[in-house]
Amino acid sequence: LMDKTSWQLDFYRRPLQDADGNPLWELLICSADRSFTYGEFCPQSEAIAPWIRQQLEKAHDRAGYWPSHIAIFRPQSVSLVDR
């Protein structure tokens, strides 16, 4: 059971490209009750753990709190978020 301070995270490659034709990835974060949402795109070359950490810090700044835990939607994203 998730509480209000839990976040859900999804990070995946979109069928979109930037101006140079590079694939774009999308990070989506929301609270379990959707009272907080955050999203950003990044080029494939930046789709690494440090970028995700930076986005989590921005999400924290916007939400005003750290989540009690983060549920990750796609298993393949777990290693990037764990780092």
Protein backbone atom coordinates (compact mmCIF):
# COMPACT_ATOMS: atom_id res chain seq x y z
CA LEU A 1 0.00 0.00 0.00
CA MET A 2 1.46 3.36 -1.03
CA ASP A 3 1.07 6.48 1.01
CA LYS A 4 0.93 10.08 -0.12
CA THR A 5 4.70 10.47 0.16
CA SER A 6 5.47 7.52 -2.14
CA TRP A 7 6.58 8.28 -5.65
CA GLN A 8 6.12 6.22 -8.79
CA LEU A 9 8.79 6.50 -11.47
CA ASP A 10 8.91 5.53 -15.12
CA PHE A 11 11.90 6.06 -17.43
CA TYR A 12 11.71 4.89 -21.02
CA ARG A 13 12.70 5.62 -24.59
CA ARG A 14 9.97 7.46 -26.46
CA PRO A 15 9.29 7.16 -30.18
CA LEU A 16 10.42 10.81 -30.43
CA GLN A 17 13.64 12.43 -31.62
CA ASP A 18 15.40 15.70 -30.88
CA ALA A 19 16.29 18.22 -33.62
CA ASP A 20 19.42 16.19 -34.50
CA GLY A 21 17.47 12.93 -34.91
CA ASN A 22 18.63 11.40 -31.61
CA PRO A 23 16.14 9.26 -29.65
CA LEU A 24 14.56 10.92 -26.62
CA TRP A 25 13.93 9.32 -23.23
CA GLU A 26 11.23 10.45 -20.83
CA LEU A 27 11.29 10.43 -17.04
CA LEU A 28 7.93 10.60 -15.29
CA ILE A 29 7.55 10.87 -11.52
CA CYS A 30 4.32 11.21 -9.59
CA SER A 31 3.04 10.73 -6.08
CA ALA A 32 0.72 7.79 -5.52
CA ASP A 33 -2.26 10.14 -5.25
CA ARG A 34 -1.03 12.26 -8.23
CA SER A 35 -0.95 15.41 -6.11
CA PHE A 36 2.64 15.80 -7.37
CA THR A 37 3.91 15.15 -10.90
CA TYR A 38 7.24 15.80 -12.58
CA GLY A 39 8.47 14.98 -16.07
CA GLU A 40 11.51 15.64 -18.25
CA PHE A 41 12.91 14.48 -21.59
CA CYS A 42 16.58 13.77 -22.25
CA PRO A 43 18.59 12.67 -25.28
CA GLN A 44 19.77 9.06 -25.29
CA SER A 45 23.38 10.15 -24.62
CA GLU A 46 22.28 11.59 -21.23
CA ALA A 47 20.01 8.68 -20.21
CA ILE A 48 22.34 7.62 -17.39
CA ALA A 49 22.26 7.45 -13.60
CA PRO A 50 23.72 10.95 -12.92
CA TRP A 51 20.99 12.57 -15.05
CA ILE A 52 18.29 10.66 -13.19
CA ARG A 53 19.83 11.65 -9.83
CA GLN A 54 19.79 15.31 -10.94
CA GLN A 55 16.13 15.01 -11.92
CA LEU A 56 15.25 13.36 -8.59
CA GLU A 57 16.85 16.34 -6.82
CA LYS A 58 14.79 18.73 -8.98
CA ALA A 59 11.64 16.72 -8.23
CA HIS A 60 12.47 16.93 -4.51
CA ASP A 61 12.89 20.71 -4.77
CA ARG A 62 9.56 21.04 -6.55
CA ALA A 63 7.65 18.66 -4.24
CA GLY A 64 9.24 19.97 -1.05
CA TYR A 65 9.83 16.48 0.35
CA TRP A 66 11.66 13.22 -0.30
CA PRO A 67 9.41 10.22 -0.87
CA SER A 68 9.14 7.45 1.71
CA HIS A 69 9.98 5.10 -1.18
CA ILE A 70 9.99 5.02 -4.99
CA ALA A 71 8.12 2.38 -6.99
CA ILE A 72 9.77 1.85 -10.38
CA PHE A 73 7.46 0.91 -13.23
CA ARG A 74 9.96 -0.78 -15.58
CA PRO A 75 12.38 -3.38 -14.16
CA GLN A 76 15.08 -2.32 -16.64
CA SER A 77 15.15 1.15 -15.00
CA VAL A 78 15.88 -0.15 -11.50
CA SER A 79 19.68 -0.26 -11.93
CA LEU A 80 19.80 3.35 -13.18
CA VAL A 81 17.75 4.62 -10.24
CA ASP A 82 19.61 2.50 -7.66
CA ARG A 83 22.90 4.13 -8.60
